[in-house]
Amino acid sequence: MTGTESGRFDDLPPSAKYVYELVKRDGPLTRQELLQKLPEPTVDRALDHLQNEDFIDKTRESEDLRKVVITTRAMRTYNPSRD
């Protein structure tokens, strides 16, 4: 991950990295689609980690507000002043 905040990504738990890669590869995905691949506690913890570090966005679908859609954010350029 040259030129990115790879330290932050590298510090994520393996489940969060896996969920990120799934969303990046197959996304946007809904939480329900992720639950077909992983257990609910794993998905929820991974999404919390990813959202806290600004690696994903979670939005609600306008037609069904119960449906949460997850997309990846573009990797941010490393800015040492943020640490």
N, C-alpha and C. Protein backbone atom coordinates (compact mmCIF):
# COMPACT_ATOMS: atom_id res chain seq x y z
N MET A 1 0.82 -1.19 0.00
CA MET A 1 0.00 0.00 0.00
C MET A 1 0.86 1.25 0.00
N THR A 2 1.63 1.38 -0.99
CA THR A 2 2.53 2.51 -1.10
C THR A 2 1.75 3.81 -1.19
N GLY A 3 2.17 4.79 -0.39
CA GLY A 3 1.56 6.10 -0.44
C GLY A 3 0.23 6.20 0.29
N THR A 4 -0.12 5.22 1.08
CA THR A 4 -1.37 5.27 1.81
C THR A 4 -1.08 5.13 3.30
N GLU A 5 -2.12 5.24 4.08
CA GLU A 5 -1.98 5.07 5.52
C GLU A 5 -1.97 3.59 5.83
N SER A 6 -0.97 2.89 5.30
CA SER A 6 -0.94 1.45 5.43
C SER A 6 -0.81 1.01 6.88
N GLY A 7 -0.18 1.81 7.73
CA GLY A 7 -0.06 1.45 9.13
C GLY A 7 -1.41 1.27 9.77
N ARG A 8 -2.33 2.14 9.51
CA ARG A 8 -3.67 2.02 10.07
C ARG A 8 -4.38 0.79 9.53
N PHE A 9 -4.26 0.54 8.25
CA PHE A 9 -4.90 -0.64 7.66
C PHE A 9 -4.25 -1.90 8.21
N ASP A 10 -2.94 -1.90 8.29
CA ASP A 10 -2.22 -3.07 8.80
C ASP A 10 -2.57 -3.37 10.24
N ASP A 11 -2.99 -2.38 11.00
CA ASP A 11 -3.33 -2.57 12.40
C ASP A 11 -4.75 -3.12 12.60
N LEU A 12 -5.55 -3.17 11.55
CA LEU A 12 -6.91 -3.68 11.66
C LEU A 12 -6.88 -5.19 11.92
N PRO A 13 -7.90 -5.71 12.59
CA PRO A 13 -8.01 -7.16 12.77
C PRO A 13 -8.18 -7.86 11.41
N PRO A 14 -7.77 -9.11 11.31
CA PRO A 14 -7.90 -9.83 10.04
C PRO A 14 -9.33 -9.85 9.49
N SER A 15 -10.31 -9.95 10.36
CA SER A 15 -11.70 -9.98 9.88
C SER A 15 -12.07 -8.65 9.22
N ALA A 16 -11.60 -7.54 9.76
CA ALA A 16 -11.90 -6.24 9.16
C ALA A 16 -11.23 -6.10 7.80
N LYS A 17 -10.00 -6.58 7.69
CA LYS A 17 -9.31 -6.55 6.40
C LYS A 17 -10.05 -7.40 5.37
N TYR A 18 -10.53 -8.56 5.81
CA TYR A 18 -11.25 -9.46 4.91
C TYR A 18 -12.56 -8.82 4.44
N VAL A 19 -13.30 -8.23 5.35
CA VAL A 19 -14.55 -7.56 4.99
C VAL A 19 -14.26 -6.41 4.03
N TYR A 20 -13.22 -5.64 4.29
CA TYR A 20 -12.85 -4.54 3.39
C TYR A 20 -12.59 -5.07 1.99
N GLU A 21 -11.80 -6.15 1.90
CA GLU A 21 -11.47 -6.71 0.58
C GLU A 21 -12.71 -7.24 -0.12
N LEU A 22 -13.63 -7.84 0.62
CA LEU A 22 -14.89 -8.31 0.03
C LEU A 22 -15.68 -7.15 -0.56
N VAL A 23 -15.81 -6.08 0.22
CA VAL A 23 -16.58 -4.92 -0.23
C VAL A 23 -15.87 -4.24 -1.40
N LYS A 24 -14.57 -4.16 -1.33
CA LYS A 24 -13.81 -3.54 -2.41
C LYS A 24 -13.95 -4.35 -3.70
N ARG A 25 -13.89 -5.66 -3.59
CA ARG A 25 -13.95 -6.54 -4.76
C ARG A 25 -15.37 -6.69 -5.30
N ASP A 26 -16.34 -6.90 -4.41
CA ASP A 26 -17.69 -7.24 -4.83
C ASP A 26 -18.72 -6.13 -4.61
N GLY A 27 -18.30 -5.05 -3.99
CA GLY A 27 -19.24 -4.04 -3.53
C GLY A 27 -19.78 -3.14 -4.60
N PRO A 28 -20.71 -2.29 -4.18
CA PRO A 28 -21.22 -2.15 -2.82
C PRO A 28 -22.00 -3.39 -2.39
N LEU A 29 -21.92 -3.66 -1.09
CA LEU A 29 -22.62 -4.80 -0.51
C LEU A 29 -23.51 -4.34 0.63
N THR A 30 -24.55 -5.09 0.87
CA THR A 30 -25.39 -4.81 2.03
C THR A 30 -24.87 -5.62 3.21
N ARG A 31 -25.28 -5.23 4.38
CA ARG A 31 -24.91 -5.97 5.58
C ARG A 31 -25.43 -7.41 5.47
N GLN A 32 -26.63 -7.58 4.93
CA GLN A 32 -27.21 -8.91 4.77
C GLN A 32 -26.37 -9.78 3.84
N GLU A 33 -25.81 -9.20 2.81
CA GLU A 33 -24.95 -9.97 1.90
C GLU A 33 -23.68 -10.40 2.62
N LEU A 34 -23.13 -9.54 3.46
CA LEU A 34 -21.95 -9.92 4.24
C LEU A 34 -22.28 -11.03 5.23
N LEU A 35 -23.49 -10.99 5.79
CA LEU A 35 -23.90 -12.01 6.76
C LEU A 35 -24.05 -13.38 6.11
N GLN A 36 -24.15 -13.45 4.82
CA GLN A 36 -24.18 -14.74 4.13
C GLN A 36 -22.80 -15.38 4.08
N LYS A 37 -21.77 -14.58 4.31
CA LYS A 37 -20.39 -15.07 4.23
C LYS A 37 -19.72 -15.22 5.59
N LEU A 38 -20.17 -14.42 6.57
CA LEU A 38 -19.52 -14.41 7.89
C LEU A 38 -20.57 -14.30 8.99
N PRO A 39 -20.22 -14.73 10.21
CA PRO A 39 -21.15 -14.61 11.34
C PRO A 39 -21.43 -13.14 11.69
N GLU A 40 -22.61 -12.90 12.24
CA GLU A 40 -23.05 -11.54 12.55
C GLU A 40 -22.09 -10.78 13.47
N PRO A 41 -21.60 -11.38 14.58
CA PRO A 41 -20.68 -10.61 15.43
C PRO A 41 -19.40 -10.20 14.69
N THR A 42 -18.92 -11.07 13.82
CA THR A 42 -17.70 -10.78 13.05
C THR A 42 -17.95 -9.62 12.10
N VAL A 43 -19.07 -9.65 11.40
CA VAL A 43 -19.41 -8.58 10.45
C VAL A 43 -19.56 -7.26 11.19
N ASP A 44 -20.29 -7.26 12.28
CA ASP A 44 -20.54 -6.01 13.01
C ASP A 44 -19.24 -5.42 13.58
N ARG A 45 -18.38 -6.24 14.15
CA ARG A 45 -17.10 -5.73 14.67
C ARG A 45 -16.22 -5.20 13.54
N ALA A 46 -16.17 -5.96 12.44
CA ALA A 46 -15.35 -5.53 11.31
C ALA A 46 -15.84 -4.21 10.75
N LEU A 47 -17.15 -4.07 10.58
CA LEU A 47 -17.70 -2.81 10.05
C LEU A 47 -17.44 -1.65 11.01
N ASP A 48 -17.54 -1.90 12.30
CA ASP A 48 -17.23 -0.84 13.28
C ASP A 48 -15.79 -0.39 13.15
N HIS A 49 -14.86 -1.33 13.07
CA HIS A 49 -13.44 -0.98 12.91
C HIS A 49 -13.22 -0.18 11.63
N LEU A 50 -13.78 -0.66 10.55
CA LEU A 50 -13.58 -0.01 9.25
C LEU A 50 -14.21 1.38 9.21
N GLN A 51 -15.37 1.53 9.80
CA GLN A 51 -16.01 2.85 9.80
C GLN A 51 -15.27 3.81 10.73
N ASN A 52 -14.81 3.33 11.87
CA ASN A 52 -14.06 4.19 12.79
C ASN A 52 -12.77 4.72 12.17
N GLU A 53 -12.17 3.94 11.29
CA GLU A 53 -10.93 4.36 10.63
C GLU A 53 -11.19 4.98 9.25
N ASP A 54 -12.44 5.22 8.92
CA ASP A 54 -12.83 5.87 7.66
C ASP A 54 -12.45 5.08 6.40
N PHE A 55 -12.48 3.75 6.48
CA PHE A 55 -12.20 2.93 5.30
C PHE A 55 -13.47 2.58 4.53
N ILE A 56 -14.64 2.74 5.17
CA ILE A 56 -15.90 2.44 4.50
C ILE A 56 -16.92 3.53 4.80
N ASP A 57 -17.96 3.54 3.98
CA ASP A 57 -19.14 4.37 4.23
C ASP A 57 -20.33 3.43 4.34
N LYS A 58 -21.20 3.73 5.29
CA LYS A 58 -22.45 2.98 5.43
C LYS A 58 -23.58 3.97 5.16
N THR A 59 -24.43 3.63 4.20
CA THR A 59 -25.57 4.49 3.88
C THR A 59 -26.84 3.64 3.88
N ARG A 60 -27.95 4.32 3.99
CA ARG A 60 -29.25 3.64 3.96
C ARG A 60 -29.84 3.82 2.57
N GLU A 61 -30.42 2.75 2.07
CA GLU A 61 -31.07 2.80 0.77
C GLU A 61 -32.36 3.61 0.89
N SER A 62 -32.60 4.50 -0.03
CA SER A 62 -33.75 5.39 0.08
C SER A 62 -35.09 4.65 -0.01
N GLU A 63 -35.13 3.55 -0.73
CA GLU A 63 -36.38 2.81 -0.87
C GLU A 63 -36.70 1.95 0.35
N ASP A 64 -35.69 1.52 1.07
CA ASP A 64 -35.87 0.69 2.25
C ASP A 64 -34.82 1.09 3.27
N LEU A 65 -35.20 1.94 4.20
CA LEU A 65 -34.24 2.50 5.16
C LEU A 65 -33.65 1.45 6.10
N ARG A 66 -34.22 0.25 6.10
CA ARG A 66 -33.63 -0.82 6.91
C ARG A 66 -32.38 -1.40 6.26
N LYS A 67 -32.22 -1.17 4.98
CA LYS A 67 -31.12 -1.75 4.21
C LYS A 67 -29.89 -0.85 4.28
N VAL A 68 -28.81 -1.37 4.85
CA VAL A 68 -27.56 -0.64 4.97
C VAL A 68 -26.63 -1.09 3.84
N VAL A 69 -26.15 -0.12 3.06
CA VAL A 69 -25.26 -0.41 1.94
C VAL A 69 -23.85 0.05 2.31
N ILE A 70 -22.88 -0.84 2.12
CA ILE A 70 -21.50 -0.55 2.50
C ILE A 70 -20.66 -0.38 1.24
N THR A 71 -19.89 0.70 1.20
CA THR A 71 -18.94 0.95 0.11
C THR A 71 -17.60 1.30 0.71
N THR A 72 -16.53 1.05 -0.04
CA THR A 72 -15.19 1.41 0.42
C THR A 72 -14.93 2.86 0.04
N ARG A 73 -14.13 3.47 0.85
CA ARG A 73 -13.64 4.81 0.52
C ARG A 73 -12.31 4.65 -0.18
N ALA A 74 -11.94 5.63 -0.98
CA ALA A 74 -10.61 5.63 -1.58
C ALA A 74 -9.60 5.74 -0.45
N MET A 75 -8.53 4.98 -0.57
CA MET A 75 -7.50 5.03 0.47
C MET A 75 -6.95 6.45 0.54
N ARG A 76 -6.83 6.95 1.76
CA ARG A 76 -6.37 8.32 1.95
C ARG A 76 -4.85 8.39 1.82
N THR A 77 -4.39 9.53 1.37
CA THR A 77 -2.95 9.75 1.31
C THR A 77 -2.45 9.95 2.72
N TYR A 78 -1.31 9.39 3.03
CA TYR A 78 -0.76 9.48 4.37
C TYR A 78 -0.46 10.92 4.72
N ASN A 79 -0.94 11.33 5.88
CA ASN A 79 -0.72 12.69 6.38
C ASN A 79 -0.23 12.56 7.82
N PRO A 80 1.10 12.67 8.04
CA PRO A 80 1.63 12.47 9.39
C PRO A 80 1.08 13.44 10.41
N SER A 81 0.56 14.56 10.02
CA SER A 81 0.03 15.53 10.99
C SER A 81 -1.27 15.04 11.60
N ARG A 82 -1.92 14.03 11.01
CA ARG A 82 -3.17 13.47 11.56
C ARG A 82 -2.90 12.52 12.70
N ASP A 83 -1.69 12.00 12.83
CA ASP A 83 -1.40 11.02 13.89
C ASP A 83 -1.17 11.65 15.22
